[in-house]
């Protein structure tokens, strides 16, 4: 009979020295327990700071091991695991998982080998600092059913984490260079130092004054946005000396912009106005501007949206204009800095190619524009189904389960809205009630809706429609039907928003169904309802 040796890790450089004593074997005749020994163990956490309730991974690493006599004659014979002692803000032990098998090849007496790393998961339940110390270990040799366990002592703390409920929030998600951004926070550790900083899209970091967290863990303060901050995505970062960094996303607005389409036209021309980087929900006066920069005609008042985007329709006045401009209204007056303009070619409704009395050889030219406009009204989002019910082949009971194939009646989804919106087509089903036959309508047990499963879902463009379609919807994955929880038959994601991208089309949706009829049910007719919902 082959013999098995205890694979005791030998001492080497590491985080802490662990004494393993009082080793036992569940089968001393086959594998005697090793004598007392010491080993270096390193514990490494996946993060030094975590939120309460978030798991952290702890990796146990042994230093290089030496094979005792008579060596290890079998490759991949054993696995290792251990317990980790929790201290500080918590107490108790956590179990690691098992390591991969080892050694990778037979090892002679005195030869070295590496016990592979193994891990444990710890989830803090309260704020504070938790410590981790190597505890009792175990080695298993499944091939021979041998379990060797040793008791740990003398080890020091090898790793620690700090759990925090720290959070932060900013007063504005859109900011301008030179502005002041207010912040608040909760769940910080009393007495720690929190330093606010601002990081712009170019990676430039500007620190603000640090503050000390009072009892209760709530903080508030402000940080200045540098006047030279790059526009685009930025962060207000609150960094605690114990709790770590909490980033808060902000966007630095650039100089406002305005665009006009079309870029030319005469009096009465309808011009689409768009723009971005205006302050959120701000009033913006839009008007024509003459060659000297003076406004022409009454302004059009627009309001930017929550993201600082501007849109509307401006009508070209009768007086000549050289540009269309916008100015944000600040404290009741047009701002001198938050403004933008775009060139516009103004054309009267008449022109002269050759002046009266021009030479017969003159070949003058002139042009006048005629605006072209059309109002497009969105159509419906609708669906229709093929006539008829879902039917399954009849069943004759014979003491076995019957799987009866069927199919969902084809659904035709038509999206003619002319929007960027998506849609979802879902299905639910009632239980199949016993409605006919000798026991019908008497409260007999139904066949559960979950006995009906959908598979092989299809969602493709209708060849009879006008193609190509702008959308390409995705068929669902199917599954068991349920009276309350819907399965998705087909879905269309929303289109882009910058620039807006239209969705729409005509799509045919189908699915194969299977009804599992139990081996023993009351005879009769069972009836259910499949409800298809479009939203």
Foldseek 3Di string as FASTA:
>chain_A
DDAAEDFDFAADDAQKKKKWAPKQKPCCVRYNADHIHIWHKAKDWPDQFEAAQDKIKIKIFTDKGFAAPAFFQDAQQKKKWFWKAKDWPDGDIWTWDIFGGDDRHTTGHGGIGTHGMTMTMDGHNDFTKMFIWTFKMWMAGVVVGMIMITTIDDIDTNGMHTYWNKAKDWPAQEAEAFDKIKMKIFGADAFWKKKKWKAAPVGDIGIDDIDGQHPRGIDIDIDHRHNPGDFAKMWTWIQTPRNGIHTDIHTYADAKEKDWPPQEAEFFAKIKIKIFRAAAQFWKWKAFAAPVGHGDDGTDIWTAHRRRMTIDIDGHHNDDGQKMKMFTQDPNHGDPRRMYIDTHHYFYPDDDQADPPDDPPDGGDDDHDDHDDDDDAFDDWDKDFDDDDWDWDDDDFDLAKDKTKTKDTKMKTWGRGFFQAKKFKKKAKQFWAFQFDPCHPVPFDTHAQQLKKWAPKDKDADPVDDDDFQWDKDAFHIHGHHHPDIGTGIMTHGADVVPHDTHTGIIMIMIMMIGIDHNDGDDHGTDMDMDMDMD
